[in-house]
PDB file of N, CA and C in Angstrom:
ATOM      1  N   MET A   1      19.128  34.488  -5.616  1.00  0.00           N
ATOM      2  CA  MET A   1      19.058  33.162  -5.030  1.00  0.00           C
ATOM      3  C   MET A   1      17.611  32.660  -5.117  1.00  0.00           C
ATOM      4  N   LEU A   2      17.472  31.395  -5.501  1.00  0.00           N
ATOM      5  CA  LEU A   2      16.137  30.804  -5.621  1.00  0.00           C
ATOM      6  C   LEU A   2      15.585  30.504  -4.229  1.00  0.00           C
ATOM      7  N   PRO A   3      14.279  30.660  -4.056  1.00  0.00           N
ATOM      8  CA  PRO A   3      13.685  30.238  -2.782  1.00  0.00           C
ATOM      9  C   PRO A   3      13.948  28.743  -2.571  1.00  0.00           C
ATOM     10  N   THR A   4      14.074  28.330  -1.336  1.00  0.00           N
ATOM     11  CA  THR A   4      14.451  26.954  -1.013  1.00  0.00           C
ATOM     12  C   THR A   4      13.583  25.903  -1.698  1.00  0.00           C
ATOM     13  N   PRO A   5      12.252  26.013  -1.681  1.00  0.00           N
ATOM     14  CA  PRO A   5      11.464  24.968  -2.360  1.00  0.00           C
ATOM     15  C   PRO A   5      11.780  24.875  -3.857  1.00  0.00           C
ATOM     16  N   PHE A   6      11.947  26.030  -4.509  1.00  0.00           N
ATOM     17  CA  PHE A   6      12.263  26.022  -5.934  1.00  0.00           C
ATOM     18  C   PHE A   6      13.656  25.439  -6.169  1.00  0.00           C
ATOM     19  N   HIS A   7      14.581  25.769  -5.292  1.00  0.00           N
ATOM     20  CA  HIS A   7      15.943  25.218  -5.381  1.00  0.00           C
ATOM     21  C   HIS A   7      15.900  23.694  -5.311  1.00  0.00           C
ATOM     22  N   ILE A   8      15.150  23.155  -4.377  1.00  0.00           N
ATOM     23  CA  ILE A   8      15.061  21.700  -4.196  1.00  0.00           C
ATOM     24  C   ILE A   8      14.417  21.052  -5.422  1.00  0.00           C
ATOM     25  N   VAL A   9      13.339  21.639  -5.921  1.00  0.00           N
ATOM     26  CA  VAL A   9      12.662  21.097  -7.104  1.00  0.00           C
ATOM     27  C   VAL A   9      13.602  21.154  -8.308  1.00  0.00           C
ATOM     28  N   ASN A  10      14.316  22.264  -8.476  1.00  0.00           N
ATOM     29  CA  ASN A  10      15.207  22.404  -9.624  1.00  0.00           C
ATOM     30  C   ASN A  10      16.362  21.403  -9.553  1.00  0.00           C
ATOM     31  N   GLU A  11      16.911  21.186  -8.364  1.00  0.00           N
ATOM     32  CA  GLU A  11      17.990  20.202  -8.217  1.00  0.00           C
ATOM     33  C   GLU A  11      17.474  18.788  -8.495  1.00  0.00           C
ATOM     34  N   GLY A  12      16.261  18.495  -8.032  1.00  0.00           N
ATOM     35  CA  GLY A  12      15.657  17.183  -8.323  1.00  0.00           C
ATOM     36  C   GLY A  12      15.414  17.001  -9.806  1.00  0.00           C
ATOM     37  N   LEU A  13      14.932  18.058 -10.463  1.00  0.00           N
ATOM     38  CA  LEU A  13      14.715  18.006 -11.907  1.00  0.00           C
ATOM     39  C   LEU A  13      16.035  17.799 -12.638  1.00  0.00           C
ATOM     40  N   ALA A  14      17.107  18.449 -12.176  1.00  0.00           N
ATOM     41  CA  ALA A  14      18.414  18.279 -12.807  1.00  0.00           C
ATOM     42  C   ALA A  14      18.835  16.813 -12.766  1.00  0.00           C
ATOM     43  N   PHE A  15      18.664  16.175 -11.630  1.00  0.00           N
ATOM     44  CA  PHE A  15      19.028  14.766 -11.501  1.00  0.00           C
ATOM     45  C   PHE A  15      18.186  13.898 -12.436  1.00  0.00           C
ATOM     46  N   LEU A  16      16.889  14.163 -12.494  1.00  0.00           N
ATOM     47  CA  LEU A  16      16.009  13.394 -13.381  1.00  0.00           C
ATOM     48  C   LEU A  16      16.364  13.619 -14.852  1.00  0.00           C
ATOM     49  N   MET A  17      16.734  14.833 -15.203  1.00  0.00           N
ATOM     50  CA  MET A  17      17.140  15.123 -16.585  1.00  0.00           C
ATOM     51  C   MET A  17      18.426  14.383 -16.938  1.00  0.00           C
ATOM     52  N   GLU A  18      19.347  14.289 -15.987  1.00  0.00           N
ATOM     53  CA  GLU A  18      20.588  13.544 -16.231  1.00  0.00           C
ATOM     54  C   GLU A  18      20.292  12.066 -16.457  1.00  0.00           C
ATOM     55  N   LEU A  19      19.424  11.490 -15.622  1.00  0.00           N
ATOM     56  CA  LEU A  19      19.043  10.081 -15.802  1.00  0.00           C
ATOM     57  C   LEU A  19      18.324   9.881 -17.134  1.00  0.00           C
ATOM     58  N   ALA A  20      17.443  10.811 -17.477  1.00  0.00           N
ATOM     59  CA  ALA A  20      16.721  10.714 -18.746  1.00  0.00           C
ATOM     60  C   ALA A  20      17.691  10.790 -19.917  1.00  0.00           C
ATOM     61  N   GLY A  21      18.686  11.661 -19.818  1.00  0.00           N
ATOM     62  CA  GLY A  21      19.688  11.766 -20.878  1.00  0.00           C
ATOM     63  C   GLY A  21      20.420  10.459 -21.094  1.00  0.00           C
ATOM     64  N   LEU A  22      20.808   9.808 -20.009  1.00  0.00           N
ATOM     65  CA  LEU A  22      21.485   8.511 -20.125  1.00  0.00           C
ATOM     66  C   LEU A  22      20.559   7.469 -20.739  1.00  0.00           C
ATOM     67  N   ALA A  23      19.303   7.474 -20.315  1.00  0.00           N
ATOM     68  CA  ALA A  23      18.333   6.518 -20.868  1.00  0.00           C
ATOM     69  C   ALA A  23      18.100   6.770 -22.360  1.00  0.00           C
ATOM     70  N   LEU A  24      18.036   8.029 -22.755  1.00  0.00           N
ATOM     71  CA  LEU A  24      17.839   8.350 -24.176  1.00  0.00           C
ATOM     72  C   LEU A  24      19.025   7.899 -25.012  1.00  0.00           C
ATOM     73  N   LEU A  25      20.229   8.071 -24.489  1.00  0.00           N
ATOM     74  CA  LEU A  25      21.411   7.605 -25.223  1.00  0.00           C
ATOM     75  C   LEU A  25      21.409   6.081 -25.349  1.00  0.00           C
ATOM     76  N   ALA A  26      20.980   5.396 -24.299  1.00  0.00           N
ATOM     77  CA  ALA A  26      20.893   3.937 -24.362  1.00  0.00           C
ATOM     78  C   ALA A  26      19.830   3.501 -25.369  1.00  0.00           C
ATOM     79  N   TRP A  27      18.681   4.155 -25.353  1.00  0.00           N
ATOM     80  CA  TRP A  27      17.600   3.839 -26.296  1.00  0.00           C
ATOM     81  C   TRP A  27      18.076   4.053 -27.732  1.00  0.00           C
ATOM     82  N   TRP A  28      18.755   5.196 -27.961  1.00  0.00           N
ATOM     83  CA  TRP A  28      19.302   5.468 -29.278  1.00  0.00           C
ATOM     84  C   TRP A  28      20.286   4.373 -29.702  1.00  0.00           C
ATOM     85  N   GLY A  29      21.178   3.998 -28.796  1.00  0.00           N
ATOM     86  CA  GLY A  29      22.167   2.969 -29.115  1.00  0.00           C
ATOM     87  C   GLY A  29      21.523   1.651 -29.494  1.00  0.00           C
ATOM     88  N   TRP A  30      20.511   1.256 -28.741  1.00  0.00           N
ATOM     89  CA  TRP A  30      19.830  -0.003 -29.028  1.00  0.00           C
ATOM     90  C   TRP A  30      19.092   0.066 -30.369  1.00  0.00           C
ATOM     91  N   SER A  31      18.495   1.208 -30.650  1.00  0.00           N
ATOM     92  CA  SER A  31      17.721   1.364 -31.886  1.00  0.00           C
ATOM     93  C   SER A  31      18.597   1.545 -33.114  1.00  0.00           C
ATOM     94  N   THR A  32      19.822   2.005 -32.929  1.00  0.00           N
ATOM     95  CA  THR A  32      20.706   2.320 -34.044  1.00  0.00           C
ATOM     96  C   THR A  32      21.498   1.112 -34.525  1.00  0.00           C
ATOM     97  N   GLY A  33      21.866   0.241 -33.599  1.00  0.00           N
ATOM     98  CA  GLY A  33      22.714  -0.902 -33.949  1.00  0.00           C
ATOM     99  C   GLY A  33      22.092  -1.800 -34.996  1.00  0.00           C
ATOM    100  N   GLN A  34      22.931  -2.325 -35.882  1.00  0.00           N
ATOM    101  CA  GLN A  34      22.469  -3.177 -36.973  1.00  0.00           C
ATOM    102  C   GLN A  34      22.347  -4.646 -36.569  1.00  0.00           C
ATOM    103  N   ASN A  35      23.068  -5.032 -35.512  1.00  0.00           N
ATOM    104  CA  ASN A  35      22.975  -6.402 -35.027  1.00  0.00           C
ATOM    105  C   ASN A  35      23.027  -6.371 -33.501  1.00  0.00           C
ATOM    106  N   THR A  36      22.800  -7.503 -32.880  1.00  0.00           N
ATOM    107  CA  THR A  36      22.694  -7.541 -31.427  1.00  0.00           C
ATOM    108  C   THR A  36      23.962  -7.068 -30.735  1.00  0.00           C
ATOM    109  N   LEU A  37      25.115  -7.473 -31.213  1.00  0.00           N
ATOM    110  CA  LEU A  37      26.362  -7.058 -30.571  1.00  0.00           C
ATOM    111  C   LEU A  37      26.545  -5.550 -30.653  1.00  0.00           C
ATOM    112  N   LEU A  38      26.309  -4.973 -31.816  1.00  0.00           N
ATOM    113  CA  LEU A  38      26.451  -3.528 -31.974  1.00  0.00           C
ATOM    114  C   LEU A  38      25.408  -2.784 -31.143  1.00  0.00           C
ATOM    115  N   ARG A  39      24.200  -3.319 -31.089  1.00  0.00           N
ATOM    116  CA  ARG A  39      23.153  -2.711 -30.264  1.00  0.00           C
ATOM    117  C   ARG A  39      23.580  -2.660 -28.801  1.00  0.00           C
ATOM    118  N   ILE A  40      24.112  -3.768 -28.306  1.00  0.00           N
ATOM    119  CA  ILE A  40      24.548  -3.811 -26.907  1.00  0.00           C
ATOM    120  C   ILE A  40      25.703  -2.840 -26.680  1.00  0.00           C
ATOM    121  N   LEU A  41      26.673  -2.842 -27.599  1.00  0.00           N
ATOM    122  CA  LEU A  41      27.819  -1.938 -27.457  1.00  0.00           C
ATOM    123  C   LEU A  41      27.382  -0.478 -27.435  1.00  0.00           C
ATOM    124  N   LEU A  42      26.500  -0.089 -28.337  1.00  0.00           N
ATOM    125  CA  LEU A  42      26.037   1.299 -28.380  1.00  0.00           C
ATOM    126  C   LEU A  42      25.127   1.643 -27.199  1.00  0.00           C
ATOM    127  N   ALA A  43      24.250   0.707 -26.835  1.00  0.00           N
ATOM    128  CA  ALA A  43      23.311   0.964 -25.734  1.00  0.00           C
ATOM    129  C   ALA A  43      24.025   1.085 -24.393  1.00  0.00           C
ATOM    130  N   VAL A  44      25.141   0.414 -24.253  1.00  0.00           N
ATOM    131  CA  VAL A  44      25.922   0.502 -23.010  1.00  0.00           C
ATOM    132  C   VAL A  44      27.015   1.561 -23.150  1.00  0.00           C
ATOM    133  N   GLY A  45      27.663   1.587 -24.305  1.00  0.00           N
ATOM    134  CA  GLY A  45      28.811   2.466 -24.496  1.00  0.00           C
ATOM    135  C   GLY A  45      28.479   3.940 -24.533  1.00  0.00           C
ATOM    136  N   ALA A  46      27.419   4.328 -25.228  1.00  0.00           N
ATOM    137  CA  ALA A  46      27.075   5.755 -25.341  1.00  0.00           C
ATOM    138  C   ALA A  46      26.777   6.364 -23.974  1.00  0.00           C
ATOM    139  N   PRO A  47      25.888   5.753 -23.171  1.00  0.00           N
ATOM    140  CA  PRO A  47      25.656   6.346 -21.847  1.00  0.00           C
ATOM    141  C   PRO A  47      26.870   6.224 -20.923  1.00  0.00           C
ATOM    142  N   ALA A  48      27.655   5.166 -21.075  1.00  0.00           N
ATOM    143  CA  ALA A  48      28.845   5.016 -20.226  1.00  0.00           C
ATOM    144  C   ALA A  48      29.857   6.118 -20.526  1.00  0.00           C
ATOM    145  N   LEU A  49      30.063   6.416 -21.800  1.00  0.00           N
ATOM    146  CA  LEU A  49      30.977   7.492 -22.172  1.00  0.00           C
ATOM    147  C   LEU A  49      30.459   8.833 -21.662  1.00  0.00           C
ATOM    148  N   ALA A  50      29.167   9.076 -21.847  1.00  0.00           N
ATOM    149  CA  ALA A  50      28.573  10.335 -21.393  1.00  0.00           C
ATOM    150  C   ALA A  50      28.681  10.471 -19.871  1.00  0.00           C
ATOM    151  N   ALA A  51      28.399   9.404 -19.148  1.00  0.00           N
ATOM    152  CA  ALA A  51      28.475   9.446 -17.682  1.00  0.00           C
ATOM    153  C   ALA A  51      29.904   9.664 -17.211  1.00  0.00           C
ATOM    154  N   THR A  52      30.856   9.084 -17.916  1.00  0.00           N
ATOM    155  CA  THR A  52      32.263   9.254 -17.545  1.00  0.00           C
ATOM    156  C   THR A  52      32.694  10.707 -17.720  1.00  0.00           C
ATOM    157  N   VAL A  53      32.382  11.286 -18.865  1.00  0.00           N
ATOM    158  CA  VAL A  53      32.747  12.684 -19.112  1.00  0.00           C
ATOM    159  C   VAL A  53      32.049  13.595 -18.112  1.00  0.00           C
ATOM    160  N   TRP A  54      30.765  13.317 -17.848  1.00  0.00           N
ATOM    161  CA  TRP A  54      30.007  14.101 -16.869  1.00  0.00           C
ATOM    162  C   TRP A  54      30.679  14.022 -15.494  1.00  0.00           C
ATOM    163  N   GLY A  55      31.020  12.830 -15.076  1.00  0.00           N
ATOM    164  CA  GLY A  55      31.650  12.645 -13.767  1.00  0.00           C
ATOM    165  C   GLY A  55      33.012  13.306 -13.657  1.00  0.00           C
ATOM    166  N   LEU A  56      33.737  13.347 -14.756  1.00  0.00           N
ATOM    167  CA  LEU A  56      35.059  13.968 -14.739  1.00  0.00           C
ATOM    168  C   LEU A  56      34.996  15.491 -14.689  1.00  0.00           C
ATOM    169  N   PHE A  57      33.998  16.091 -15.359  1.00  0.00           N
ATOM    170  CA  PHE A  57      34.017  17.540 -15.534  1.00  0.00           C
ATOM    171  C   PHE A  57      32.768  18.297 -15.089  1.00  0.00           C
ATOM    172  N   ALA A  58      31.591  17.674 -15.059  1.00  0.00           N
ATOM    173  CA  ALA A  58      30.361  18.439 -14.836  1.00  0.00           C
ATOM    174  C   ALA A  58      29.613  18.099 -13.554  1.00  0.00           C
ATOM    175  N   ALA A  59      29.929  16.993 -12.935  1.00  0.00           N
ATOM    176  CA  ALA A  59      29.221  16.588 -11.721  1.00  0.00           C
ATOM    177  C   ALA A  59      29.535  17.556 -10.575  1.00  0.00           C
ATOM    178  N   PRO A  60      28.625  17.656  -9.599  1.00  0.00           N
ATOM    179  CA  PRO A  60      28.907  18.528  -8.454  1.00  0.00           C
ATOM    180  C   PRO A  60      30.236  18.206  -7.755  1.00  0.00           C
ATOM    181  N   LYS A  61      30.602  16.944  -7.724  1.00  0.00           N
ATOM    182  CA  LYS A  61      31.890  16.542  -7.134  1.00  0.00           C
ATOM    183  C   LYS A  61      32.775  15.953  -8.229  1.00  0.00           C
ATOM    184  N   ALA A  62      32.939  16.707  -9.314  1.00  0.00           N
ATOM    185  CA  ALA A  62      33.702  16.247 -10.471  1.00  0.00           C
ATOM    186  C   ALA A  62      35.150  15.968 -10.093  1.00  0.00           C
ATOM    187  N   THR A  63      35.744  15.031 -10.812  1.00  0.00           N
ATOM    188  CA  THR A  63      37.142  14.672 -10.593  1.00  0.00           C
ATOM    189  C   THR A  63      38.061  15.861 -10.841  1.00  0.00           C
ATOM    190  N   PHE A  64      37.786  16.608 -11.896  1.00  0.00           N
ATOM    191  CA  PHE A  64      38.603  17.763 -12.251  1.00  0.00           C
ATOM    192  C   PHE A  64      37.803  19.046 -12.090  1.00  0.00           C
ATOM    193  N   THR A  65      38.408  20.031 -11.470  1.00  0.00           N
ATOM    194  CA  THR A  65      37.774  21.339 -11.359  1.00  0.00           C
ATOM    195  C   THR A  65      38.149  22.145 -12.596  1.00  0.00           C
ATOM    196  N   VAL A  66      37.145  22.517 -13.346  1.00  0.00           N
ATOM    197  CA  VAL A  66      37.365  23.262 -14.585  1.00  0.00           C
ATOM    198  C   VAL A  66      36.541  24.549 -14.524  1.00  0.00           C
ATOM    199  N   PRO A  67      36.864  25.522 -15.364  1.00  0.00           N
ATOM    200  CA  PRO A  67      36.080  26.766 -15.386  1.00  0.00           C
ATOM    201  C   PRO A  67      34.616  26.492 -15.731  1.00  0.00           C
ATOM    202  N   LEU A  68      33.757  27.398 -15.285  1.00  0.00           N
ATOM    203  CA  LEU A  68      32.321  27.250 -15.513  1.00  0.00           C
ATOM    204  C   LEU A  68      31.993  27.063 -16.987  1.00  0.00           C
ATOM    205  N   VAL A  69      32.684  27.777 -17.860  1.00  0.00           N
ATOM    206  CA  VAL A  69      32.399  27.645 -19.291  1.00  0.00           C
ATOM    207  C   VAL A  69      32.625  26.204 -19.759  1.00  0.00           C
ATOM    208  N   SER A  70      33.626  25.531 -19.221  1.00  0.00           N
ATOM    209  CA  SER A  70      33.889  24.138 -19.592  1.00  0.00           C
ATOM    210  C   SER A  70      32.786  23.216 -19.084  1.00  0.00           C
ATOM    211  N   VAL A  71      32.324  23.477 -17.878  1.00  0.00           N
ATOM    212  CA  VAL A  71      31.212  22.693 -17.319  1.00  0.00           C
ATOM    213  C   VAL A  71      29.980  22.865 -18.196  1.00  0.00           C
ATOM    214  N   LEU A  72      29.709  24.096 -18.596  1.00  0.00           N
ATOM    215  CA  LEU A  72      28.534  24.362 -19.426  1.00  0.00           C
ATOM    216  C   LEU A  72      28.660  23.726 -20.805  1.00  0.00           C
ATOM    217  N   VAL A  73      29.865  23.671 -21.339  1.00  0.00           N
ATOM    218  CA  VAL A  73      30.081  22.998 -22.633  1.00  0.00           C
ATOM    219  C   VAL A  73      29.788  21.506 -22.499  1.00  0.00           C
ATOM    220  N   VAL A  74      30.286  20.890 -21.426  1.00  0.00           N
ATOM    221  CA  VAL A  74      30.025  19.464 -21.204  1.00  0.00           C
ATOM    222  C   VAL A  74      28.528  19.220 -21.059  1.00  0.00           C
ATOM    223  N   LYS A  75      27.853  20.068 -20.288  1.00  0.00           N
ATOM    224  CA  LYS A  75      26.403  19.905 -20.114  1.00  0.00           C
ATOM    225  C   LYS A  75      25.664  20.095 -21.435  1.00  0.00           C
ATOM    226  N   ALA A  76      26.078  21.076 -22.225  1.00  0.00           N
ATOM    227  CA  ALA A  76      25.433  21.305 -23.528  1.00  0.00           C
ATOM    228  C   ALA A  76      25.641  20.114 -24.455  1.00  0.00           C
ATOM    229  N   LEU A  77      26.847  19.556 -24.455  1.00  0.00           N
ATOM    230  CA  LEU A  77      27.118  18.371 -25.285  1.00  0.00           C
ATOM    231  C   LEU A  77      26.296  17.174 -24.817  1.00  0.00           C
ATOM    232  N   PHE A  78      26.208  16.987 -23.509  1.00  0.00           N
ATOM    233  CA  PHE A  78      25.451  15.864 -22.956  1.00  0.00           C
ATOM    234  C   PHE A  78      23.963  15.985 -23.310  1.00  0.00           C
ATOM    235  N   PHE A  79      23.362  17.121 -22.919  1.00  0.00           N
ATOM    236  CA  PHE A  79      21.929  17.281 -23.159  1.00  0.00           C
ATOM    237  C   PHE A  79      21.621  17.416 -24.651  1.00  0.00           C
ATOM    238  N   GLY A  80      22.527  18.059 -25.385  1.00  0.00           N
ATOM    239  CA  GLY A  80      22.340  18.158 -26.834  1.00  0.00           C
ATOM    240  C   GLY A  80      22.387  16.794 -27.504  1.00  0.00           C
ATOM    241  N   SER A  81      23.312  15.951 -27.079  1.00  0.00           N
ATOM    242  CA  SER A  81      23.401  14.593 -27.635  1.00  0.00           C
ATOM    243  C   SER A  81      22.142  13.798 -27.323  1.00  0.00           C
ATOM    244  N   ALA A  82      21.645  13.938 -26.104  1.00  0.00           N
ATOM    245  CA  ALA A  82      20.422  13.218 -25.731  1.00  0.00           C
ATOM    246  C   ALA A  82      19.236  13.719 -26.548  1.00  0.00           C
ATOM    247  N   ALA A  83      19.150  15.035 -26.754  1.00  0.00           N
ATOM    248  CA  ALA A  83      18.057  15.592 -27.557  1.00  0.00           C
ATOM    249  C   ALA A  83      18.171  15.136 -29.011  1.00  0.00           C
ATOM    250  N   LEU A  84      19.389  15.133 -29.546  1.00  0.00           N
ATOM    251  CA  LEU A  84      19.577  14.651 -30.922  1.00  0.00           C
ATOM    252  C   LEU A  84      19.255  13.164 -31.037  1.00  0.00           C
ATOM    253  N   ALA A  85      19.588  12.407 -30.011  1.00  0.00           N
ATOM    254  CA  ALA A  85      19.244  10.981 -30.015  1.00  0.00           C
ATOM    255  C   ALA A  85      17.726  10.807 -30.069  1.00  0.00           C
ATOM    256  N   LEU A  86      17.026  11.590 -29.272  1.00  0.00           N
ATOM    257  CA  LEU A  86      15.562  11.524 -29.264  1.00  0.00           C
ATOM    258  C   LEU A  86      14.998  11.950 -30.619  1.00  0.00           C
ATOM    259  N   HIS A  87      15.565  12.984 -31.197  1.00  0.00           N
ATOM    260  CA  HIS A  87      15.130  13.428 -32.523  1.00  0.00           C
ATOM    261  C   HIS A  87      15.351  12.325 -33.560  1.00  0.00           C
ATOM    262  N   SER A  88      16.500  11.672 -33.498  1.00  0.00           N
ATOM    263  CA  SER A  88      16.791  10.621 -34.484  1.00  0.00           C
ATOM    264  C   SER A  88      15.871   9.416 -34.319  1.00  0.00           C
ATOM    265  N   LEU A  89      15.237   9.301 -33.166  1.00  0.00           N
ATOM    266  CA  LEU A  89      14.272   8.228 -32.938  1.00  0.00           C
ATOM    267  C   LEU A  89      12.865   8.628 -33.392  1.00  0.00           C
ATOM    268  N   GLY A  90      12.761   9.795 -34.037  1.00  0.00           N
ATOM    269  CA  GLY A  90      11.480  10.231 -34.564  1.00  0.00           C
ATOM    270  C   GLY A  90      10.625  10.990 -33.574  1.00  0.00           C
ATOM    271  N   ARG A  91      11.201  11.439 -32.478  1.00  0.00           N
ATOM    272  CA  ARG A  91      10.465  12.156 -31.435  1.00  0.00           C
ATOM    273  C   ARG A  91      10.912  13.619 -31.397  1.00  0.00           C
ATOM    274  N   THR A  92      10.675  14.320 -32.491  1.00  0.00           N
ATOM    275  CA  THR A  92      11.189  15.681 -32.630  1.00  0.00           C
ATOM    276  C   THR A  92      10.618  16.630 -31.583  1.00  0.00           C
ATOM    277  N   ARG A  93       9.319  16.612 -31.389  1.00  0.00           N
ATOM    278  CA  ARG A  93       8.714  17.512 -30.391  1.00  0.00           C
ATOM    279  C   ARG A  93       9.249  17.212 -28.997  1.00  0.00           C
ATOM    280  N   ALA A  94       9.351  15.951 -28.658  1.00  0.00           N
ATOM    281  CA  ALA A  94       9.885  15.575 -27.347  1.00  0.00           C
ATOM    282  C   ALA A  94      11.340  16.015 -27.209  1.00  0.00           C
ATOM    283  N   ALA A  95      12.091  15.937 -28.313  1.00  0.00           N
ATOM    284  CA  ALA A  95      13.493  16.368 -28.293  1.00  0.00           C
ATOM    285  C   ALA A  95      13.594  17.860 -28.025  1.00  0.00           C
ATOM    286  N   VAL A  96      12.728  18.640 -28.645  1.00  0.00           N
ATOM    287  CA  VAL A  96      12.732  20.094 -28.425  1.00  0.00           C
ATOM    288  C   VAL A  96      12.356  20.400 -26.980  1.00  0.00           C
ATOM    289  N   VAL A  97      11.328  19.742 -26.466  1.00  0.00           N
ATOM    290  CA  VAL A  97      10.924  19.954 -25.072  1.00  0.00           C
ATOM    291  C   VAL A  97      12.061  19.572 -24.127  1.00  0.00           C
ATOM    292  N   PHE A  98      12.690  18.437 -24.376  1.00  0.00           N
ATOM    293  CA  PHE A  98      13.802  17.993 -23.542  1.00  0.00           C
ATOM    294  C   PHE A  98      14.917  19.034 -23.548  1.00  0.00           C
ATOM    295  N   ALA A  99      15.286  19.527 -24.719  1.00  0.00           N
ATOM    296  CA  ALA A  99      16.369  20.503 -24.836  1.00  0.00           C
ATOM    297  C   ALA A  99      16.025  21.810 -24.122  1.00  0.00           C
ATOM    298  N   VAL A 100      14.798  22.278 -24.267  1.00  0.00           N
ATOM    299  CA  VAL A 100      14.386  23.528 -23.621  1.00  0.00           C
ATOM    300  C   VAL A 100      14.372  23.366 -22.100  1.00  0.00           C
ATOM    301  N   VAL A 101      13.824  22.268 -21.620  1.00  0.00           N
ATOM    302  CA  VAL A 101      13.799  22.030 -20.168  1.00  0.00           C
ATOM    303  C   VAL A 101      15.219  21.906 -19.626  1.00  0.00           C
ATOM    304  N   ALA A 102      16.087  21.200 -20.340  1.00  0.00           N
ATOM    305  CA  ALA A 102      17.477  21.052 -19.892  1.00  0.00           C
ATOM    306  C   ALA A 102      18.182  22.400 -19.845  1.00  0.00           C
ATOM    307  N   ALA A 103      17.972  23.228 -20.856  1.00  0.00           N
ATOM    308  CA  ALA A 103      18.615  24.547 -20.884  1.00  0.00           C
ATOM    309  C   ALA A 103      18.103  25.434 -19.756  1.00  0.00           C
ATOM    310  N   ALA A 104      16.791  25.447 -19.556  1.00  0.00           N
ATOM    311  CA  ALA A 104      16.222  26.272 -18.482  1.00  0.00           C
ATOM    312  C   ALA A 104      16.678  25.776 -17.110  1.00  0.00           C
ATOM    313  N   ASN A 105      16.646  24.479 -16.923  1.00  0.00           N
ATOM    314  CA  ASN A 105      17.071  23.898 -15.651  1.00  0.00           C
ATOM    315  C   ASN A 105      18.532  24.227 -15.360  1.00  0.00           C
ATOM    316  N   THR A 106      19.381  24.085 -16.360  1.00  0.00           N
ATOM    317  CA  THR A 106      20.806  24.381 -16.180  1.00  0.00           C
ATOM    318  C   THR A 106      21.016  25.861 -15.885  1.00  0.00           C
ATOM    319  N   ALA A 107      20.298  26.726 -16.592  1.00  0.00           N
ATOM    320  CA  ALA A 107      20.433  28.168 -16.352  1.00  0.00           C
ATOM    321  C   ALA A 107      20.018  28.523 -14.932  1.00  0.00           C
ATOM    322  N   PHE A 108      18.870  28.014 -14.483  1.00  0.00           N
ATOM    323  CA  PHE A 108      18.423  28.289 -13.113  1.00  0.00           C
ATOM    324  C   PHE A 108      19.420  27.745 -12.097  1.00  0.00           C
ATOM    325  N   ALA A 109      19.924  26.545 -12.327  1.00  0.00           N
ATOM    326  CA  ALA A 109      20.856  25.928 -11.381  1.00  0.00           C
ATOM    327  C   ALA A 109      22.150  26.723 -11.283  1.00  0.00           C
ATOM    328  N   GLU A 110      22.696  27.140 -12.416  1.00  0.00           N
ATOM    329  CA  GLU A 110      23.952  27.882 -12.386  1.00  0.00           C
ATOM    330  C   GLU A 110      23.782  29.266 -11.789  1.00  0.00           C
ATOM    331  N   LEU A 111      22.692  29.939 -12.105  1.00  0.00           N
ATOM    332  CA  LEU A 111      22.430  31.247 -11.493  1.00  0.00           C
ATOM    333  C   LEU A 111      22.245  31.109  -9.984  1.00  0.00           C
ATOM    334  N   ASP A 112      21.556  30.064  -9.576  1.00  0.00           N
ATOM    335  CA  ASP A 112      21.330  29.835  -8.146  1.00  0.00           C
ATOM    336  C   ASP A 112      22.674  29.549  -7.444  1.00  0.00           C
ATOM    337  N   ARG A 113      23.518  28.709  -8.047  1.00  0.00           N
ATOM    338  CA  ARG A 113      24.822  28.427  -7.447  1.00  0.00           C
ATOM    339  C   ARG A 113      25.671  29.690  -7.343  1.00  0.00           C
ATOM    340  N   TYR A 114      25.596  30.521  -8.367  1.00  0.00           N
ATOM    341  CA  TYR A 114      26.342  31.784  -8.371  1.00  0.00           C
ATOM    342  C   TYR A 114      25.913  32.671  -7.198  1.00  0.00           C
ATOM    343  N   HIS A 115      24.609  32.761  -6.977  1.00  0.00           N
ATOM    344  CA  HIS A 115      24.101  33.623  -5.903  1.00  0.00           C
ATOM    345  C   HIS A 115      24.257  33.023  -4.511  1.00  0.00           C
ATOM    346  N   ARG A 116      24.457  31.724  -4.440  1.00  0.00           N
ATOM    347  CA  ARG A 116      24.647  31.069  -3.136  1.00  0.00           C
ATOM    348  C   ARG A 116      26.098  31.112  -2.686  1.00  0.00           C
ATOM    349  N   THR A 117      27.020  31.404  -3.588  1.00  0.00           N
ATOM    350  CA  THR A 117      28.443  31.428  -3.195  1.00  0.00           C
ATOM    351  C   THR A 117      28.894  32.795  -2.777  1.00  0.00           C
TER     352      THR A 117
END
């Protein structure tokens, strides 16, 4: 079990990483679209789809209770998509840092939840 201050910091970081992931998907969508309508659709649609899937399966109060492996797959797809979006925007180093921080944060959070139950 993580000490309480570390637990609080890690949970806060998880929330910030989720928001950053949505912002990266929106940035990618806006940068990828060939015209204004497509830019708006991608900038709104990509994060909306990601947030919907997250809320259904990976959120702390997810609509559906699924096995841990399924939650981890959803998180990997979400953070991986955000990292790939950042990479496609020409920010390769930032994408690697984002992916590593997301993986470490998720690992600490899941281990902590396991030990708290």
